[in-house]
Amino acid sequence: MQLQLDTFGNIGDKLQSEIETHSTLISFTKKDTLFDYDDVLEYFYIFLGGKIKVYQINLNNAKEQTIYLMNRGDMYDVVTLLDGQIHEVVVEILESGTALKIPIGKAREWMYDYPIFGEIILKYISKQLRKVEGLATDLTLFDTQERLIKLLIQNIEVKDEKNDNVLDGLSHTQIASLIGTVRHVVDRHIKQLKSEGVLEDERKKISLKSREKLLDRMKNLF
């Protein structure tokens, strides 16, 4: 199996061979129940495609908060990789994809035996920490309209380093869980932005209609 993953870059032939030898390429669909507590105690995953939601839910009121949306290049679960403990979150597969499945003990060995692998893991963790810090700040300091506009700017016009728009294919309910609100609030804000000629929203694909108008809205809000 030839490893083709932008996240790793040039990792050297020896580590490349190790990963190819000890990894299993798996496919998953929306119907599968993978990446649960027990599973990630034994295996570490590197996603090559698909979309996965990691979230928490309040069972008393069914309110959700998405912590991460994962796709190509993301790794799961770095928390359990580091501390060996159960990570009590809920995982849902939103889009079919593929992943490298690696025995978690082997991944821990690589962190120490191959400094470049440890560096990759640490850089990824720092990126995730920044995301969680940003989420906490947004939920505390900004209202739902402000949080939605920030999310749109980050994911529609300026795509992430993997050139992916994580909002593609998401329902309004799923977008609401990204910014800590409920579907009808997102419905209202998106309807207003559509009426102002800022964006279009068809078949779970939000596209930017006027960059200038969206930036103007952002300036007025912040």
N, C-alpha and C. Protein backbone atom coordinates (compact mmCIF):
# COMPACT_ATOMS: atom_id res chain seq x y z
N MET A 1 0.84 -1.19 0.00
CA MET A 1 0.00 0.00 0.00
C MET A 1 0.88 1.24 0.00
N GLN A 2 0.75 2.06 -0.97
CA GLN A 2 1.52 3.30 -1.07
C GLN A 2 0.77 4.42 -0.36
N LEU A 3 1.41 4.97 0.67
CA LEU A 3 0.77 6.02 1.45
C LEU A 3 0.81 7.33 0.69
N GLN A 4 -0.37 7.91 0.47
CA GLN A 4 -0.48 9.21 -0.17
C GLN A 4 -1.29 10.12 0.73
N LEU A 5 -0.61 10.92 1.55
CA LEU A 5 -1.32 11.76 2.50
C LEU A 5 -0.55 13.06 2.68
N ASP A 6 -1.20 14.17 2.30
CA ASP A 6 -0.54 15.47 2.33
C ASP A 6 -0.04 15.83 3.72
N THR A 7 -0.74 15.37 4.76
CA THR A 7 -0.39 15.72 6.12
C THR A 7 1.05 15.36 6.46
N PHE A 8 1.52 14.26 5.91
CA PHE A 8 2.83 13.75 6.31
C PHE A 8 3.98 14.37 5.53
N GLY A 9 3.76 14.71 4.28
CA GLY A 9 4.87 15.24 3.49
C GLY A 9 5.96 14.21 3.34
N ASN A 10 7.21 14.65 3.41
CA ASN A 10 8.35 13.75 3.26
C ASN A 10 8.73 13.19 4.63
N ILE A 11 8.37 11.95 4.89
CA ILE A 11 8.60 11.36 6.22
C ILE A 11 9.76 10.36 6.21
N GLY A 12 10.34 10.12 5.07
CA GLY A 12 11.45 9.18 5.00
C GLY A 12 10.98 7.78 4.67
N ASP A 13 11.83 7.04 4.02
CA ASP A 13 11.45 5.71 3.55
C ASP A 13 11.17 4.73 4.69
N LYS A 14 11.93 4.83 5.77
CA LYS A 14 11.77 3.86 6.85
C LYS A 14 10.42 4.00 7.54
N LEU A 15 10.04 5.24 7.89
CA LEU A 15 8.74 5.45 8.52
C LEU A 15 7.62 5.16 7.54
N GLN A 16 7.82 5.53 6.28
CA GLN A 16 6.83 5.23 5.23
C GLN A 16 6.57 3.73 5.19
N SER A 17 7.63 2.94 5.23
CA SER A 17 7.49 1.49 5.19
C SER A 17 6.78 0.97 6.44
N GLU A 18 7.11 1.56 7.60
CA GLU A 18 6.46 1.16 8.85
C GLU A 18 4.95 1.39 8.79
N ILE A 19 4.57 2.56 8.32
CA ILE A 19 3.14 2.89 8.25
C ILE A 19 2.43 1.96 7.27
N GLU A 20 3.05 1.71 6.13
CA GLU A 20 2.44 0.84 5.13
C GLU A 20 2.33 -0.59 5.64
N THR A 21 3.29 -1.02 6.45
CA THR A 21 3.29 -2.39 6.96
C THR A 21 2.24 -2.60 8.04
N HIS A 22 2.10 -1.64 8.92
CA HIS A 22 1.26 -1.83 10.10
C HIS A 22 -0.13 -1.19 10.00
N SER A 23 -0.42 -0.51 8.91
CA SER A 23 -1.72 0.13 8.74
C SER A 23 -2.64 -0.73 7.89
N THR A 24 -3.92 -0.61 8.16
CA THR A 24 -4.95 -1.25 7.36
C THR A 24 -5.81 -0.17 6.73
N LEU A 25 -6.02 -0.25 5.44
CA LEU A 25 -6.89 0.72 4.76
C LEU A 25 -8.33 0.24 4.91
N ILE A 26 -9.17 1.06 5.54
CA ILE A 26 -10.57 0.70 5.73
C ILE A 26 -11.47 1.70 5.00
N SER A 27 -12.66 1.25 4.67
CA SER A 27 -13.70 2.11 4.11
C SER A 27 -14.84 2.19 5.11
N PHE A 28 -15.52 3.32 5.14
CA PHE A 28 -16.66 3.46 6.05
C PHE A 28 -17.77 4.22 5.34
N THR A 29 -18.99 3.97 5.76
CA THR A 29 -20.17 4.62 5.21
C THR A 29 -20.96 5.27 6.35
N LYS A 30 -21.97 6.02 6.00
CA LYS A 30 -22.80 6.69 6.99
C LYS A 30 -23.52 5.70 7.90
N LYS A 31 -23.70 4.47 7.43
CA LYS A 31 -24.42 3.46 8.22
C LYS A 31 -23.54 2.77 9.26
N ASP A 32 -22.22 2.93 9.12
CA ASP A 32 -21.30 2.23 10.02
C ASP A 32 -21.23 2.89 11.39
N THR A 33 -20.94 2.10 12.39
CA THR A 33 -20.72 2.60 13.75
C THR A 33 -19.27 2.31 14.12
N LEU A 34 -18.40 3.22 13.76
CA LEU A 34 -16.97 3.09 14.01
C LEU A 34 -16.50 4.20 14.95
N PHE A 35 -15.25 4.10 15.37
CA PHE A 35 -14.58 5.15 16.11
C PHE A 35 -15.23 5.40 17.48
N ASP A 36 -15.80 4.34 18.11
CA ASP A 36 -16.39 4.52 19.43
C ASP A 36 -15.32 4.39 20.52
N TYR A 37 -15.76 4.49 21.79
CA TYR A 37 -14.82 4.51 22.91
C TYR A 37 -13.83 3.34 22.86
N ASP A 38 -14.39 2.12 22.81
CA ASP A 38 -13.54 0.93 22.87
C ASP A 38 -12.62 0.83 21.65
N ASP A 39 -13.13 1.22 20.51
CA ASP A 39 -12.37 1.11 19.27
C ASP A 39 -11.11 1.96 19.31
N VAL A 40 -11.25 3.20 19.78
CA VAL A 40 -10.09 4.10 19.76
C VAL A 40 -9.14 3.85 20.92
N LEU A 41 -9.49 2.96 21.83
CA LEU A 41 -8.52 2.51 22.82
C LEU A 41 -7.50 1.57 22.18
N GLU A 42 -7.90 0.96 21.06
CA GLU A 42 -7.03 -0.01 20.38
C GLU A 42 -6.43 0.50 19.09
N TYR A 43 -7.12 1.45 18.42
CA TYR A 43 -6.66 1.88 17.10
C TYR A 43 -6.64 3.39 16.99
N PHE A 44 -5.73 3.85 16.14
CA PHE A 44 -5.58 5.27 15.80
C PHE A 44 -5.90 5.40 14.31
N TYR A 45 -6.62 6.46 13.93
CA TYR A 45 -7.08 6.59 12.56
C TYR A 45 -6.54 7.87 11.92
N ILE A 46 -6.19 7.75 10.66
CA ILE A 46 -5.84 8.90 9.83
C ILE A 46 -6.79 8.90 8.65
N PHE A 47 -7.60 9.94 8.53
CA PHE A 47 -8.65 9.96 7.51
C PHE A 47 -8.09 10.38 6.15
N LEU A 48 -8.42 9.60 5.14
CA LEU A 48 -8.03 9.89 3.77
C LEU A 48 -9.17 10.51 2.97
N GLY A 49 -10.37 10.43 3.51
CA GLY A 49 -11.55 11.00 2.84
C GLY A 49 -12.76 10.80 3.73
N GLY A 50 -13.87 11.42 3.34
CA GLY A 50 -15.08 11.34 4.14
C GLY A 50 -15.22 12.54 5.06
N LYS A 51 -16.27 12.52 5.89
CA LYS A 51 -16.51 13.60 6.84
C LYS A 51 -17.09 13.00 8.11
N ILE A 52 -16.50 13.37 9.25
CA ILE A 52 -16.86 12.79 10.54
C ILE A 52 -17.11 13.91 11.53
N LYS A 53 -18.20 13.79 12.28
CA LYS A 53 -18.53 14.78 13.30
C LYS A 53 -18.24 14.22 14.68
N VAL A 54 -17.52 14.99 15.49
CA VAL A 54 -17.25 14.65 16.87
C VAL A 54 -17.98 15.68 17.73
N TYR A 55 -18.87 15.22 18.60
CA TYR A 55 -19.72 16.17 19.30
C TYR A 55 -20.12 15.67 20.69
N GLN A 56 -20.74 16.56 21.45
CA GLN A 56 -21.36 16.24 22.72
C GLN A 56 -22.84 16.54 22.62
N ILE A 57 -23.62 15.83 23.41
CA ILE A 57 -25.06 16.03 23.38
C ILE A 57 -25.61 16.03 24.79
N ASN A 58 -26.55 16.92 25.05
CA ASN A 58 -27.28 16.95 26.31
C ASN A 58 -28.52 16.08 26.14
N LEU A 59 -28.55 14.94 26.80
CA LEU A 59 -29.65 13.99 26.61
C LEU A 59 -30.96 14.51 27.19
N ASN A 60 -30.88 15.51 28.06
CA ASN A 60 -32.11 16.05 28.65
C ASN A 60 -32.87 16.95 27.69
N ASN A 61 -32.13 17.68 26.83
CA ASN A 61 -32.81 18.58 25.90
C ASN A 61 -32.44 18.34 24.44
N ALA A 62 -31.59 17.32 24.20
CA ALA A 62 -31.17 16.92 22.84
C ALA A 62 -30.35 17.99 22.15
N LYS A 63 -29.84 18.96 22.88
CA LYS A 63 -29.01 19.99 22.27
C LYS A 63 -27.61 19.44 22.03
N GLU A 64 -27.08 19.73 20.83
CA GLU A 64 -25.75 19.25 20.46
C GLU A 64 -24.77 20.40 20.33
N GLN A 65 -23.50 20.08 20.56
CA GLN A 65 -22.41 21.00 20.25
C GLN A 65 -21.32 20.24 19.53
N THR A 66 -21.09 20.58 18.27
CA THR A 66 -20.02 19.94 17.52
C THR A 66 -18.68 20.49 18.00
N ILE A 67 -17.75 19.59 18.28
CA ILE A 67 -16.42 19.99 18.72
C ILE A 67 -15.47 20.04 17.52
N TYR A 68 -15.53 18.99 16.69
CA TYR A 68 -14.70 18.94 15.50
C TYR A 68 -15.50 18.38 14.32
N LEU A 69 -15.23 18.90 13.15
CA LEU A 69 -15.62 18.26 11.90
C LEU A 69 -14.33 17.76 11.27
N MET A 70 -14.24 16.47 11.05
CA MET A 70 -13.01 15.88 10.55
C MET A 70 -13.18 15.39 9.12
N ASN A 71 -12.13 15.58 8.32
CA ASN A 71 -12.14 15.07 6.95
C ASN A 71 -10.72 14.69 6.57
N ARG A 72 -10.41 14.76 5.30
CA ARG A 72 -9.11 14.30 4.80
C ARG A 72 -7.94 14.95 5.55
N GLY A 73 -7.05 14.11 6.07
CA GLY A 73 -5.88 14.59 6.78
C GLY A 73 -6.03 14.68 8.28
N ASP A 74 -7.26 14.57 8.78
CA ASP A 74 -7.46 14.61 10.22
C ASP A 74 -7.11 13.28 10.86
N MET A 75 -6.86 13.30 12.17
CA MET A 75 -6.46 12.11 12.91
C MET A 75 -7.37 11.92 14.13
N TYR A 76 -7.65 10.66 14.44
CA TYR A 76 -8.55 10.37 15.56
C TYR A 76 -8.15 9.07 16.23
N ASP A 77 -7.93 9.05 17.53
CA ASP A 77 -8.20 10.12 18.48
C ASP A 77 -6.89 10.48 19.15
N VAL A 78 -6.45 11.73 18.97
CA VAL A 78 -5.17 12.14 19.54
C VAL A 78 -5.23 12.23 21.06
N VAL A 79 -6.42 12.45 21.63
CA VAL A 79 -6.56 12.51 23.09
C VAL A 79 -6.23 11.15 23.69
N THR A 80 -6.87 10.11 23.16
CA THR A 80 -6.61 8.76 23.66
C THR A 80 -5.20 8.30 23.32
N LEU A 81 -4.68 8.74 22.18
CA LEU A 81 -3.31 8.41 21.82
C LEU A 81 -2.34 8.86 22.90
N LEU A 82 -2.59 10.05 23.46
CA LEU A 82 -1.66 10.61 24.44
C LEU A 82 -1.87 10.08 25.85
N ASP A 83 -3.13 9.95 26.28
CA ASP A 83 -3.34 9.59 27.69
C ASP A 83 -3.84 8.17 27.91
N GLY A 84 -4.22 7.47 26.85
CA GLY A 84 -4.67 6.10 26.98
C GLY A 84 -6.00 5.93 27.67
N GLN A 85 -6.74 7.02 27.83
CA GLN A 85 -8.03 6.98 28.52
C GLN A 85 -9.20 7.06 27.54
N ILE A 86 -10.36 6.61 28.01
CA ILE A 86 -11.57 6.73 27.21
C ILE A 86 -11.90 8.21 26.98
N HIS A 87 -12.22 8.55 25.75
CA HIS A 87 -12.60 9.92 25.38
C HIS A 87 -14.10 9.93 25.17
N GLU A 88 -14.82 10.50 26.11
CA GLU A 88 -16.29 10.41 26.11
C GLU A 88 -16.91 11.48 25.23
N VAL A 89 -16.89 11.22 23.94
CA VAL A 89 -17.56 12.06 22.95
C VAL A 89 -18.37 11.14 22.05
N VAL A 90 -19.22 11.75 21.23
CA VAL A 90 -20.03 10.99 20.29
C VAL A 90 -19.48 11.24 18.89
N VAL A 91 -19.39 10.19 18.08
CA VAL A 91 -18.87 10.30 16.73
C VAL A 91 -19.94 9.86 15.73
N GLU A 92 -20.14 10.67 14.71
CA GLU A 92 -21.11 10.34 13.65
C GLU A 92 -20.45 10.51 12.29
N ILE A 93 -20.64 9.51 11.43
CA ILE A 93 -20.11 9.59 10.07
C ILE A 93 -21.11 10.34 9.21
N LEU A 94 -20.69 11.46 8.64
CA LEU A 94 -21.57 12.28 7.81
C LEU A 94 -21.43 11.95 6.33
N GLU A 95 -20.23 11.56 5.91
CA GLU A 95 -19.99 11.18 4.51
C GLU A 95 -19.08 9.97 4.47
N SER A 96 -19.34 9.08 3.53
CA SER A 96 -18.51 7.89 3.35
C SER A 96 -17.07 8.29 3.03
N GLY A 97 -16.14 7.43 3.41
CA GLY A 97 -14.74 7.74 3.15
C GLY A 97 -13.84 6.56 3.45
N THR A 98 -12.55 6.85 3.56
CA THR A 98 -11.55 5.84 3.86
C THR A 98 -10.60 6.38 4.93
N ALA A 99 -9.92 5.45 5.59
CA ALA A 99 -8.98 5.83 6.64
C ALA A 99 -7.91 4.77 6.79
N LEU A 100 -6.77 5.19 7.33
CA LEU A 100 -5.75 4.25 7.75
C LEU A 100 -6.03 3.88 9.21
N LYS A 101 -6.11 2.59 9.48
CA LYS A 101 -6.36 2.07 10.83
C LYS A 101 -5.03 1.52 11.36
N ILE A 102 -4.55 2.11 12.45
CA ILE A 102 -3.22 1.79 12.97
C ILE A 102 -3.35 1.34 14.43
N PRO A 103 -2.74 0.23 14.81
CA PRO A 103 -2.72 -0.13 16.23
C PRO A 103 -2.18 1.03 17.06
N ILE A 104 -2.91 1.42 18.09
CA ILE A 104 -2.55 2.65 18.80
C ILE A 104 -1.20 2.52 19.50
N GLY A 105 -0.86 1.32 19.93
CA GLY A 105 0.45 1.13 20.54
C GLY A 105 1.58 1.39 19.56
N LYS A 106 1.36 0.99 18.31
CA LYS A 106 2.36 1.23 17.27
C LYS A 106 2.50 2.73 16.99
N ALA A 107 1.37 3.45 16.97
CA ALA A 107 1.42 4.90 16.76
C ALA A 107 2.20 5.58 17.88
N ARG A 108 2.02 5.10 19.12
CA ARG A 108 2.78 5.67 20.24
C ARG A 108 4.27 5.39 20.07
N GLU A 109 4.62 4.20 19.62
CA GLU A 109 6.02 3.88 19.37
C GLU A 109 6.64 4.82 18.35
N TRP A 110 5.91 5.08 17.28
CA TRP A 110 6.43 5.95 16.23
C TRP A 110 6.70 7.35 16.74
N MET A 111 5.87 7.82 17.68
CA MET A 111 6.08 9.16 18.22
C MET A 111 7.46 9.29 18.86
N TYR A 112 7.95 8.22 19.46
CA TYR A 112 9.25 8.25 20.13
C TYR A 112 10.39 7.80 19.22
N ASP A 113 10.09 6.83 18.36
CA ASP A 113 11.14 6.27 17.51
C ASP A 113 11.44 7.15 16.29
N TYR A 114 10.43 7.92 15.87
CA TYR A 114 10.58 8.76 14.68
C TYR A 114 10.18 10.19 15.04
N PRO A 115 11.15 11.05 15.35
CA PRO A 115 10.82 12.42 15.77
C PRO A 115 9.91 13.15 14.80
N ILE A 116 10.00 12.87 13.49
CA ILE A 116 9.15 13.56 12.53
C ILE A 116 7.68 13.20 12.74
N PHE A 117 7.42 11.95 13.13
CA PHE A 117 6.04 11.54 13.40
C PHE A 117 5.52 12.23 14.67
N GLY A 118 6.37 12.28 15.71
CA GLY A 118 5.97 12.99 16.92
C GLY A 118 5.69 14.46 16.65
N GLU A 119 6.50 15.07 15.77
CA GLU A 119 6.28 16.48 15.42
C GLU A 119 4.96 16.67 14.68
N ILE A 120 4.64 15.73 13.79
CA ILE A 120 3.37 15.81 13.06
C ILE A 120 2.19 15.74 14.03
N ILE A 121 2.27 14.81 14.99
CA ILE A 121 1.20 14.67 15.97
C ILE A 121 1.06 15.93 16.81
N LEU A 122 2.18 16.48 17.29
CA LEU A 122 2.13 17.66 18.14
C LEU A 122 1.59 18.88 17.39
N LYS A 123 1.98 19.04 16.14
CA LYS A 123 1.46 20.16 15.35
C LYS A 123 -0.04 20.00 15.13
N TYR A 124 -0.47 18.77 14.91
CA TYR A 124 -1.90 18.54 14.72
C TYR A 124 -2.67 18.86 16.00
N ILE A 125 -2.13 18.43 17.14
CA ILE A 125 -2.78 18.72 18.42
C ILE A 125 -2.87 20.22 18.66
N SER A 126 -1.82 20.96 18.33
CA SER A 126 -1.85 22.41 18.52
C SER A 126 -2.92 23.05 17.66
N LYS A 127 -3.10 22.52 16.45
CA LYS A 127 -4.15 23.05 15.56
C LYS A 127 -5.53 22.78 16.16
N GLN A 128 -5.72 21.59 16.72
CA GLN A 128 -7.01 21.26 17.33
C GLN A 128 -7.27 22.11 18.57
N LEU A 129 -6.22 22.37 19.34
CA LEU A 129 -6.37 23.22 20.52
C LEU A 129 -6.81 24.63 20.14
N ARG A 130 -6.25 25.14 19.05
CA ARG A 130 -6.64 26.47 18.59
C ARG A 130 -8.11 26.49 18.17
N LYS A 131 -8.57 25.40 17.55
CA LYS A 131 -9.97 25.32 17.15
C LYS A 131 -10.89 25.34 18.37
N VAL A 132 -10.54 24.55 19.39
CA VAL A 132 -11.36 24.49 20.60
C VAL A 132 -11.33 25.83 21.33
N GLU A 133 -10.17 26.47 21.36
CA GLU A 133 -10.06 27.80 21.97
C GLU A 133 -10.94 28.80 21.23
N GLY A 134 -10.90 28.74 19.89
CA GLY A 134 -11.74 29.64 19.10
C GLY A 134 -13.22 29.38 19.33
N LEU A 135 -13.60 28.11 19.45
CA LEU A 135 -14.99 27.76 19.71
C LEU A 135 -15.45 28.31 21.05
N ALA A 136 -14.62 28.12 22.09
CA ALA A 136 -14.97 28.62 23.42
C ALA A 136 -15.13 30.14 23.42
N THR A 137 -14.21 30.82 22.72
CA THR A 137 -14.27 32.27 22.64
C THR A 137 -15.53 32.73 21.91
N ASP A 138 -15.82 32.10 20.78
CA ASP A 138 -16.99 32.49 19.99
C ASP A 138 -18.28 32.30 20.78
N LEU A 139 -18.40 31.15 21.47
CA LEU A 139 -19.62 30.87 22.22
C LEU A 139 -19.81 31.86 23.37
N THR A 140 -18.71 32.37 23.88
CA THR A 140 -18.78 33.30 25.02
C THR A 140 -19.00 34.74 24.59
N LEU A 141 -18.34 35.15 23.50
CA LEU A 141 -18.28 36.57 23.17
C LEU A 141 -19.21 37.03 22.05
N PHE A 142 -19.67 36.11 21.18
CA PHE A 142 -20.43 36.51 20.00
C PHE A 142 -21.82 35.90 19.99
N ASP A 143 -22.77 36.61 19.37
CA ASP A 143 -24.12 36.05 19.25
C ASP A 143 -24.18 35.10 18.05
N THR A 144 -25.33 34.49 17.84
CA THR A 144 -25.43 33.44 16.81
C THR A 144 -25.20 33.98 15.40
N GLN A 145 -25.68 35.19 15.12
CA GLN A 145 -25.47 35.74 13.79
C GLN A 145 -23.99 36.01 13.53
N GLU A 146 -23.31 36.53 14.53
CA GLU A 146 -21.88 36.78 14.40
C GLU A 146 -21.10 35.48 14.21
N ARG A 147 -21.49 34.45 14.98
CA ARG A 147 -20.80 33.16 14.86
C ARG A 147 -21.03 32.53 13.50
N LEU A 148 -22.24 32.68 12.96
CA LEU A 148 -22.54 32.13 11.65
C LEU A 148 -21.73 32.83 10.56
N ILE A 149 -21.65 34.15 10.61
CA ILE A 149 -20.90 34.89 9.61
C ILE A 149 -19.41 34.52 9.66
N LYS A 150 -18.86 34.38 10.86
CA LYS A 150 -17.47 33.95 11.00
C LYS A 150 -17.28 32.57 10.37
N LEU A 151 -18.20 31.67 10.62
CA LEU A 151 -18.12 30.31 10.08
C LEU A 151 -18.17 30.34 8.56
N LEU A 152 -19.05 31.15 8.00
CA LEU A 152 -19.16 31.26 6.55
C LEU A 152 -17.88 31.80 5.93
N ILE A 153 -17.32 32.83 6.53
CA ILE A 153 -16.09 33.42 6.00
C ILE A 153 -14.95 32.41 6.04
N GLN A 154 -14.85 31.67 7.12
CA GLN A 154 -13.76 30.71 7.28
C GLN A 154 -13.86 29.53 6.32
N ASN A 155 -15.07 29.18 5.90
CA ASN A 155 -15.25 27.93 5.18
C ASN A 155 -15.79 28.04 3.76
N ILE A 156 -16.25 29.21 3.35
CA ILE A 156 -16.76 29.34 1.98
C ILE A 156 -15.72 29.98 1.08
N GLU A 157 -15.34 31.22 1.41
CA GLU A 157 -14.43 31.93 0.51
C GLU A 157 -12.98 31.50 0.72
N VAL A 158 -12.58 31.41 1.97
CA VAL A 158 -11.21 31.02 2.29
C VAL A 158 -11.25 29.59 2.78
N LYS A 159 -10.94 28.64 1.87
CA LYS A 159 -10.96 27.24 2.23
C LYS A 159 -9.77 26.91 3.10
N ASP A 160 -9.87 25.78 3.83
CA ASP A 160 -8.77 25.41 4.71
C ASP A 160 -7.57 24.92 3.92
N GLU A 161 -6.50 24.54 4.65
CA GLU A 161 -5.26 24.18 3.99
C GLU A 161 -5.39 22.93 3.13
N LYS A 162 -6.44 22.15 3.34
CA LYS A 162 -6.67 20.96 2.52
C LYS A 162 -7.56 21.28 1.32
N ASN A 163 -7.90 22.56 1.17
CA ASN A 163 -8.72 23.02 0.05
C ASN A 163 -10.13 22.43 0.11
N ASP A 164 -10.62 22.19 1.32
CA ASP A 164 -11.96 21.63 1.51
C ASP A 164 -12.86 22.65 2.18
N ASN A 165 -14.12 22.67 1.79
CA ASN A 165 -15.13 23.47 2.47
C ASN A 165 -15.94 22.50 3.33
N VAL A 166 -15.72 22.54 4.64
CA VAL A 166 -16.35 21.55 5.51
C VAL A 166 -17.86 21.73 5.60
N LEU A 167 -18.39 22.86 5.15
CA LEU A 167 -19.83 23.07 5.21
C LEU A 167 -20.59 22.36 4.09
N ASP A 168 -19.88 21.98 3.03
CA ASP A 168 -20.55 21.31 1.91
C ASP A 168 -21.25 20.04 2.40
N GLY A 169 -22.52 19.92 2.06
CA GLY A 169 -23.28 18.72 2.41
C GLY A 169 -23.91 18.74 3.79
N LEU A 170 -23.67 19.80 4.57
CA LEU A 170 -24.24 19.85 5.91
C LEU A 170 -25.64 20.45 5.89
N SER A 171 -26.51 19.89 6.70
CA SER A 171 -27.85 20.45 6.87
C SER A 171 -27.77 21.67 7.79
N HIS A 172 -28.86 22.43 7.85
CA HIS A 172 -28.89 23.58 8.75
C HIS A 172 -28.79 23.13 10.21
N THR A 173 -29.34 21.95 10.51
CA THR A 173 -29.22 21.42 11.87
C THR A 173 -27.77 21.15 12.22
N GLN A 174 -27.02 20.59 11.28
CA GLN A 174 -25.61 20.30 11.52
C GLN A 174 -24.79 21.58 11.62
N ILE A 175 -25.12 22.57 10.81
CA ILE A 175 -24.44 23.86 10.91
C ILE A 175 -24.74 24.50 12.26
N ALA A 176 -25.99 24.38 12.71
CA ALA A 176 -26.37 24.94 14.01
C ALA A 176 -25.52 24.36 15.13
N SER A 177 -25.24 23.06 15.05
CA SER A 177 -24.46 22.43 16.12
C SER A 177 -23.01 22.87 16.11
N LEU A 178 -22.55 23.43 15.00
CA LEU A 178 -21.19 23.97 14.93
C LEU A 178 -21.06 25.29 15.69
N ILE A 179 -22.15 26.05 15.78
CA ILE A 179 -22.08 27.37 16.41
C ILE A 179 -22.91 27.46 17.69
N GLY A 180 -23.33 26.29 18.19
CA GLY A 180 -23.99 26.27 19.49
C GLY A 180 -25.38 26.84 19.50
N THR A 181 -26.19 26.53 18.48
CA THR A 181 -27.56 27.00 18.45
C THR A 181 -28.45 25.91 17.85
N VAL A 182 -29.65 26.27 17.43
CA VAL A 182 -30.60 25.29 16.90
C VAL A 182 -30.94 25.64 15.45
N ARG A 183 -31.56 24.70 14.75
CA ARG A 183 -31.79 24.83 13.32
C ARG A 183 -32.59 26.06 12.94
N HIS A 184 -33.68 26.34 13.65
CA HIS A 184 -34.55 27.44 13.21
C HIS A 184 -33.82 28.79 13.30
N VAL A 185 -32.84 28.91 14.20
CA VAL A 185 -32.07 30.16 14.28
C VAL A 185 -31.18 30.29 13.04
N VAL A 186 -30.52 29.19 12.66
CA VAL A 186 -29.70 29.21 11.45
C VAL A 186 -30.57 29.45 10.22
N ASP A 187 -31.74 28.83 10.17
CA ASP A 187 -32.67 29.06 9.06
C ASP A 187 -32.95 30.55 8.89
N ARG A 188 -33.22 31.21 10.01
CA ARG A 188 -33.56 32.63 9.97
C ARG A 188 -32.40 33.48 9.49
N HIS A 189 -31.20 33.21 10.00
CA HIS A 189 -30.04 34.00 9.60
C HIS A 189 -29.69 33.78 8.13
N ILE A 190 -29.75 32.54 7.67
CA ILE A 190 -29.41 32.25 6.27
C ILE A 190 -30.46 32.85 5.34
N LYS A 191 -31.71 32.79 5.74
CA LYS A 191 -32.78 33.40 4.93
C LYS A 191 -32.55 34.91 4.78
N GLN A 192 -32.12 35.55 5.86
CA GLN A 192 -31.85 36.98 5.80
C GLN A 192 -30.67 37.28 4.88
N LEU A 193 -29.61 36.48 4.99
CA LEU A 193 -28.43 36.69 4.14
C LEU A 193 -28.76 36.44 2.67
N LYS A 194 -29.64 35.48 2.40
CA LYS A 194 -30.07 35.23 1.02
C LYS A 194 -30.87 36.42 0.49
N SER A 195 -31.76 36.96 1.32
CA SER A 195 -32.58 38.09 0.88
C SER A 195 -31.75 39.33 0.61
N GLU A 196 -30.59 39.43 1.27
CA GLU A 196 -29.70 40.56 1.07
C GLU A 196 -28.73 40.33 -0.08
N GLY A 197 -28.83 39.18 -0.73
CA GLY A 197 -27.96 38.89 -1.87
C GLY A 197 -26.54 38.53 -1.48
N VAL A 198 -26.35 38.06 -0.23
CA VAL A 198 -25.02 37.72 0.25
C VAL A 198 -24.61 36.32 -0.18
N LEU A 199 -25.55 35.37 -0.11
CA LEU A 199 -25.21 33.99 -0.43
C LEU A 199 -26.39 33.26 -1.04
N GLU A 200 -26.10 32.06 -1.53
CA GLU A 200 -27.11 31.15 -2.03
C GLU A 200 -27.02 29.86 -1.24
N ASP A 201 -28.14 29.18 -1.08
CA ASP A 201 -28.18 27.95 -0.29
C ASP A 201 -29.10 26.95 -0.97
N GLU A 202 -28.51 26.04 -1.71
CA GLU A 202 -29.28 25.06 -2.46
C GLU A 202 -28.72 23.66 -2.23
N ARG A 203 -29.59 22.73 -1.88
CA ARG A 203 -29.23 21.32 -1.75
C ARG A 203 -27.99 21.11 -0.87
N LYS A 204 -28.05 21.66 0.32
CA LYS A 204 -26.98 21.50 1.31
C LYS A 204 -25.63 22.02 0.81
N LYS A 205 -25.68 23.03 -0.04
CA LYS A 205 -24.44 23.65 -0.51
C LYS A 205 -24.60 25.16 -0.46
N ILE A 206 -23.90 25.77 0.49
CA ILE A 206 -23.95 27.22 0.62
C ILE A 206 -22.83 27.82 -0.21
N SER A 207 -23.17 28.74 -1.08
CA SER A 207 -22.17 29.39 -1.92
C SER A 207 -22.26 30.90 -1.75
N LEU A 208 -21.13 31.54 -1.89
CA LEU A 208 -21.04 32.98 -1.69
C LEU A 208 -21.47 33.69 -2.96
N LYS A 209 -22.43 34.60 -2.82
CA LYS A 209 -22.93 35.36 -3.96
C LYS A 209 -22.25 36.72 -4.05
N SER A 210 -21.97 37.32 -2.90
CA SER A 210 -21.33 38.64 -2.88
C SER A 210 -20.31 38.69 -1.75
N ARG A 211 -19.05 38.64 -2.13
CA ARG A 211 -17.97 38.72 -1.14
C ARG A 211 -18.02 40.06 -0.43
N GLU A 212 -18.24 41.12 -1.17
CA GLU A 212 -18.22 42.46 -0.60
C GLU A 212 -19.32 42.62 0.46
N LYS A 213 -20.52 42.10 0.16
CA LYS A 213 -21.62 42.24 1.11
C LYS A 213 -21.36 41.45 2.39
N LEU A 214 -20.77 40.26 2.25
CA LEU A 214 -20.48 39.47 3.45
C LEU A 214 -19.42 40.16 4.31
N LEU A 215 -18.39 40.71 3.67
CA LEU A 215 -17.37 41.43 4.41
C LEU A 215 -17.93 42.69 5.07
N ASP A 216 -18.86 43.35 4.38
CA ASP A 216 -19.51 44.52 4.97
C ASP A 216 -20.31 44.12 6.20
N ARG A 217 -21.02 43.00 6.11
CA ARG A 217 -21.77 42.52 7.26
C ARG A 217 -20.84 42.23 8.42
N MET A 218 -19.69 41.63 8.13
CA MET A 218 -18.73 41.31 9.18
C MET A 218 -18.22 42.60 9.84
N LYS A 219 -17.89 43.61 9.03
CA LYS A 219 -17.40 44.88 9.58
C LYS A 219 -18.44 45.53 10.48
N ASN A 220 -19.70 45.42 10.10
CA ASN A 220 -20.77 46.05 10.88
C ASN A 220 -21.01 45.31 12.19
N LEU A 221 -20.70 44.01 12.20
CA LEU A 221 -20.97 43.22 13.38
C LEU A 221 -19.86 43.31 14.41
N PHE A 222 -18.61 43.39 13.94
CA PHE A 222 -17.49 43.28 14.86
C PHE A 222 -16.87 44.65 15.14
